[in-house]
Protein backbone atom coordinates (compact mmCIF):
# COMPACT_ATOMS: atom_id res chain seq x y z
CA THR A 1 37.97 4.26 -20.66
CA ILE A 2 34.54 4.11 -22.27
CA ARG A 3 34.28 5.82 -25.57
CA GLY A 4 31.11 7.38 -26.83
CA CYS A 5 29.74 10.39 -28.56
CA GLY A 6 29.23 13.58 -26.61
CA SER A 7 25.45 13.51 -27.08
CA CYS A 8 25.28 9.97 -25.62
CA ILE A 9 27.17 11.08 -22.54
CA GLY A 10 24.88 14.10 -22.20
CA PHE A 11 21.83 11.84 -22.50
CA THR A 12 23.23 9.51 -19.84
CA ASP A 13 23.76 12.45 -17.51
CA GLN A 14 20.22 13.70 -18.14
CA LEU A 15 18.79 10.22 -17.53
CA ARG A 16 20.77 9.85 -14.30
CA GLU A 17 19.53 13.26 -13.11
CA HIS A 18 15.92 12.39 -14.02
CA LEU A 19 16.09 9.07 -12.17
CA TYR A 20 17.61 10.77 -9.14
CA ARG A 21 14.91 13.46 -9.05
CA ASN A 22 12.14 10.87 -9.41
CA ARG A 23 13.64 8.11 -7.26
CA ASP A 24 10.92 8.29 -4.61
CA ALA A 25 8.12 7.88 -7.14
CA LEU A 26 9.97 5.04 -8.88
CA TRP A 27 10.61 3.28 -5.57
CA GLN A 28 6.99 3.80 -4.53
CA HIS A 29 5.71 2.29 -7.79
CA GLY A 30 7.99 -0.71 -7.31
CA LYS A 31 6.71 -1.16 -3.77
CA VAL A 32 3.07 -0.99 -4.90
CA SER A 33 3.72 -3.48 -7.71
CA GLU A 34 5.34 -5.86 -5.25
CA LEU A 35 2.43 -5.52 -2.82
CA LEU A 36 -0.07 -6.27 -5.59
CA SER A 37 1.93 -9.29 -6.76
CA GLU A 38 2.26 -10.53 -3.19
CA GLY A 39 -1.48 -10.11 -2.65
CA LYS A 40 -2.25 -12.10 -5.79
CA ARG A 41 0.16 -14.89 -4.77
CA LYS A 42 -1.33 -15.04 -1.28
CA TYR A 43 -4.88 -15.10 -2.66
CA GLU A 44 -4.06 -17.89 -5.10
CA SER A 45 -2.39 -19.93 -2.35
CA GLY A 46 -5.48 -19.60 -0.15
CA ASP A 47 -4.10 -17.14 2.40
CA ARG A 48 -6.91 -14.63 1.97
CA MET A 49 -6.17 -12.51 5.06
CA ALA A 50 -2.54 -12.00 4.05
CA ALA A 51 -3.75 -11.10 0.55
CA LEU A 52 -6.16 -8.55 2.01
CA ARG A 53 -3.37 -6.99 4.09
CA SER A 54 -1.20 -6.65 0.97
CA PHE A 55 -4.01 -5.03 -1.03
CA GLU A 56 -4.88 -2.65 1.81
CA THR A 57 -1.22 -1.71 2.28
CA ALA A 58 -1.01 -0.95 -1.45
CA LEU A 59 -4.10 1.26 -1.19
CA ALA A 60 -2.50 3.21 1.66
CA GLN A 61 0.55 4.21 -0.42
CA ALA A 62 0.84 7.91 -1.22
CA GLU A 63 1.75 7.62 -4.90
CA LEU A 64 -0.83 5.21 -6.32
CA SER A 65 -1.70 5.24 -9.99
CA ALA A 66 -5.30 4.77 -11.06
CA LYS A 67 -4.43 1.37 -12.53
CA ASP A 68 -2.75 0.20 -9.31
CA ARG A 69 -5.64 1.52 -7.21
CA GLN A 70 -8.09 -0.39 -9.40
CA ALA A 71 -6.03 -3.59 -9.05
CA ALA A 72 -5.82 -3.24 -5.25
CA LEU A 73 -9.55 -2.55 -4.96
CA TYR A 74 -10.36 -5.53 -7.17
CA GLY A 75 -8.11 -7.77 -5.05
CA SER A 76 -9.79 -6.55 -1.87
CA LEU A 77 -13.21 -7.11 -3.44
CA ALA A 78 -12.25 -10.68 -4.39
CA VAL A 79 -11.11 -11.44 -0.83
CA HIS A 80 -14.33 -10.08 0.71
CA ALA A 81 -16.43 -11.96 -1.83
CA SER A 82 -14.53 -15.20 -1.13
CA PHE A 83 -15.52 -14.87 2.54
CA GLY A 84 -19.14 -14.27 1.51
CA ASP A 85 -19.10 -10.74 2.91
CA VAL A 86 -21.28 -9.07 0.30
CA GLU A 87 -21.55 -5.77 2.17
CA LEU A 88 -17.77 -5.24 2.39
CA ALA A 89 -17.40 -6.35 -1.24
CA GLN A 90 -19.94 -3.72 -2.28
CA ILE A 91 -18.19 -1.02 -0.25
CA THR A 92 -14.90 -1.97 -1.90
CA LEU A 93 -16.57 -1.95 -5.31
CA ARG A 94 -17.55 1.67 -4.69
CA GLY A 95 -13.89 2.47 -4.02
CA GLN A 96 -14.38 3.40 -0.38
């Protein structure tokens, strides 16, 4: 038996309920973070096309924070620039 104060147990129940209600958004954020990390690893290892796929997949996610969108766009821009494709880099820079 775990002992604790009544308010701690109430807080735990509230936290559990909050996490349950927001589980999709939390899972989505974790997925986006993983895609961005994967894209960065792929870019750094020289696999630019795989990096671009990761960044584009991140951009296609429904729940994307402004910070994550900016990171995915920057990653895509870096890939296009590394290939010398100035036009696509500029389009990405505009957030298209």
